[in-house]
Amino acid sequence: MTTEYDDIINLPHHTSRNHPRMTMEQRAAQFAPFAALTGHGAAIEETARLNAQSFEE
């Protein structure tokens, strides 16, 4: 059985001659400004606070 990617599946991973590989920290920093769930952490903290209050009462 052959697939359309059989000709490239076993090729070595490309390594640029011009750009060094990024560290994990650099890669993470590249996406840090993007926050798809803005305010999600605050919502979780508020829910936890309200639940803690209900257990205390």
N, C-alpha and C. Protein backbone atom coordinates (compact mmCIF):
# COMPACT_ATOMS: atom_id res chain seq x y z
N MET A 1 0.85 -1.18 0.00
CA MET A 1 0.00 0.00 0.00
C MET A 1 0.90 1.25 0.00
N THR A 2 0.65 2.15 -0.89
CA THR A 2 1.44 3.37 -0.96
C THR A 2 0.54 4.57 -0.68
N THR A 3 1.17 5.60 -0.15
CA THR A 3 0.44 6.83 0.12
C THR A 3 1.15 7.97 -0.60
N GLU A 4 0.53 9.13 -0.61
CA GLU A 4 1.11 10.26 -1.33
C GLU A 4 2.37 10.82 -0.68
N TYR A 5 2.67 10.41 0.55
CA TYR A 5 3.84 10.94 1.25
C TYR A 5 4.98 9.93 1.36
N ASP A 6 4.87 8.79 0.73
CA ASP A 6 5.91 7.77 0.81
C ASP A 6 7.26 8.27 0.33
N ASP A 7 7.27 9.21 -0.62
CA ASP A 7 8.54 9.69 -1.16
C ASP A 7 9.28 10.63 -0.21
N ILE A 8 8.61 11.18 0.81
CA ILE A 8 9.27 12.12 1.71
C ILE A 8 9.31 11.66 3.16
N ILE A 9 8.65 10.59 3.48
CA ILE A 9 8.49 10.19 4.89
C ILE A 9 9.82 9.86 5.57
N ASN A 10 10.79 9.35 4.86
CA ASN A 10 12.05 8.94 5.49
C ASN A 10 13.19 9.90 5.21
N LEU A 11 12.91 11.09 4.71
CA LEU A 11 13.96 12.07 4.47
C LEU A 11 14.43 12.67 5.80
N PRO A 12 15.70 13.07 5.88
CA PRO A 12 16.18 13.70 7.12
C PRO A 12 15.54 15.07 7.32
N HIS A 13 15.43 15.48 8.57
CA HIS A 13 14.85 16.78 8.91
C HIS A 13 15.74 17.89 8.39
N HIS A 14 15.15 18.91 7.80
CA HIS A 14 15.92 20.03 7.26
C HIS A 14 16.54 20.86 8.39
N THR A 15 17.79 21.23 8.22
CA THR A 15 18.49 22.12 9.15
C THR A 15 19.01 23.30 8.34
N SER A 16 18.64 24.50 8.74
CA SER A 16 19.04 25.70 8.03
C SER A 16 20.53 25.97 8.20
N ARG A 17 21.15 26.44 7.12
CA ARG A 17 22.55 26.84 7.18
C ARG A 17 22.66 28.28 7.70
N ASN A 18 21.59 29.05 7.57
CA ASN A 18 21.62 30.48 7.90
C ASN A 18 21.10 30.81 9.30
N HIS A 19 20.21 30.01 9.81
CA HIS A 19 19.57 30.31 11.10
C HIS A 19 19.82 29.19 12.10
N PRO A 20 20.41 29.50 13.24
CA PRO A 20 20.62 28.46 14.25
C PRO A 20 19.27 28.02 14.85
N ARG A 21 19.25 26.81 15.38
CA ARG A 21 18.03 26.31 15.99
C ARG A 21 17.67 27.13 17.22
N MET A 22 16.39 27.33 17.44
CA MET A 22 15.92 28.08 18.60
C MET A 22 15.94 27.19 19.83
N THR A 23 16.25 27.79 20.98
CA THR A 23 16.15 27.04 22.23
C THR A 23 14.68 26.88 22.59
N MET A 24 14.38 26.01 23.51
CA MET A 24 12.99 25.83 23.94
C MET A 24 12.44 27.12 24.56
N GLU A 25 13.30 27.85 25.27
CA GLU A 25 12.88 29.11 25.88
C GLU A 25 12.51 30.14 24.80
N GLN A 26 13.31 30.20 23.74
CA GLN A 26 13.03 31.14 22.65
C GLN A 26 11.72 30.77 21.95
N ARG A 27 11.51 29.49 21.74
CA ARG A 27 10.27 29.05 21.08
C ARG A 27 9.06 29.37 21.95
N ALA A 28 9.18 29.16 23.25
CA ALA A 28 8.07 29.45 24.16
C ALA A 28 7.78 30.94 24.20
N ALA A 29 8.83 31.76 24.22
CA ALA A 29 8.64 33.21 24.27
C ALA A 29 7.97 33.73 23.01
N GLN A 30 8.15 33.05 21.91
CA GLN A 30 7.54 33.46 20.66
C GLN A 30 6.02 33.42 20.74
N PHE A 31 5.48 32.48 21.51
CA PHE A 31 4.04 32.31 21.60
C PHE A 31 3.46 32.84 22.90
N ALA A 32 4.28 33.33 23.81
CA ALA A 32 3.81 33.80 25.11
C ALA A 32 2.80 34.94 25.01
N PRO A 33 2.97 35.91 24.10
CA PRO A 33 2.00 37.01 24.05
C PRO A 33 0.60 36.58 23.62
N PHE A 34 0.48 35.44 22.97
CA PHE A 34 -0.82 34.97 22.52
C PHE A 34 -1.53 34.27 23.67
N ALA A 35 -2.65 34.80 24.09
CA ALA A 35 -3.42 34.19 25.17
C ALA A 35 -4.85 33.97 24.67
N ALA A 36 -5.13 32.78 24.20
CA ALA A 36 -6.44 32.48 23.66
C ALA A 36 -7.52 32.54 24.73
N LEU A 37 -7.15 32.25 25.96
CA LEU A 37 -8.12 32.22 27.04
C LEU A 37 -7.83 33.33 28.04
N THR A 38 -7.83 34.55 27.56
CA THR A 38 -7.57 35.69 28.41
C THR A 38 -8.60 35.73 29.54
N GLY A 39 -8.13 35.84 30.76
CA GLY A 39 -9.02 35.89 31.91
C GLY A 39 -9.41 34.53 32.46
N HIS A 40 -8.97 33.47 31.81
CA HIS A 40 -9.34 32.12 32.27
C HIS A 40 -8.77 31.83 33.65
N GLY A 41 -7.52 32.23 33.88
CA GLY A 41 -6.90 32.00 35.18
C GLY A 41 -7.64 32.74 36.29
N ALA A 42 -8.06 33.98 36.01
CA ALA A 42 -8.81 34.76 37.00
C ALA A 42 -10.16 34.12 37.29
N ALA A 43 -10.79 33.57 36.27
CA ALA A 43 -12.08 32.91 36.46
C ALA A 43 -11.94 31.66 37.33
N ILE A 44 -10.87 30.93 37.14
CA ILE A 44 -10.62 29.73 37.95
C ILE A 44 -10.37 30.13 39.39
N GLU A 45 -9.56 31.17 39.59
CA GLU A 45 -9.28 31.63 40.95
C GLU A 45 -10.55 32.11 41.65
N GLU A 46 -11.41 32.81 40.94
CA GLU A 46 -12.67 33.29 41.53
C GLU A 46 -13.57 32.12 41.90
N THR A 47 -13.66 31.12 41.04
CA THR A 47 -14.46 29.93 41.34
C THR A 47 -13.91 29.21 42.56
N ALA A 48 -12.60 29.11 42.64
CA ALA A 48 -11.98 28.46 43.81
C ALA A 48 -12.28 29.25 45.08
N ARG A 49 -12.22 30.57 45.00
CA ARG A 49 -12.50 31.41 46.16
C ARG A 49 -13.95 31.23 46.61
N LEU A 50 -14.87 31.22 45.66
CA LEU A 50 -16.29 31.06 46.01
C LEU A 50 -16.56 29.68 46.60
N ASN A 51 -15.92 28.66 46.05
CA ASN A 51 -16.09 27.31 46.59
C ASN A 51 -15.50 27.20 47.99
N ALA A 52 -14.37 27.84 48.22
CA ALA A 52 -13.77 27.82 49.55
C ALA A 52 -14.69 28.51 50.56
N GLN A 53 -15.32 29.59 50.15
CA GLN A 53 -16.27 30.30 51.02
C GLN A 53 -17.45 29.40 51.38
N SER A 54 -17.98 28.67 50.40
CA SER A 54 -19.15 27.84 50.67
C SER A 54 -18.81 26.69 51.61
N PHE A 55 -17.58 26.19 51.59
CA PHE A 55 -17.17 25.15 52.52
C PHE A 55 -16.98 25.68 53.93
N GLU A 56 -16.60 26.95 54.04
CA GLU A 56 -16.38 27.55 55.34
C GLU A 56 -17.71 27.85 56.04
N GLU A 57 -18.74 28.11 55.27
CA GLU A 57 -20.04 28.51 55.87
C GLU A 57 -20.80 27.35 56.43
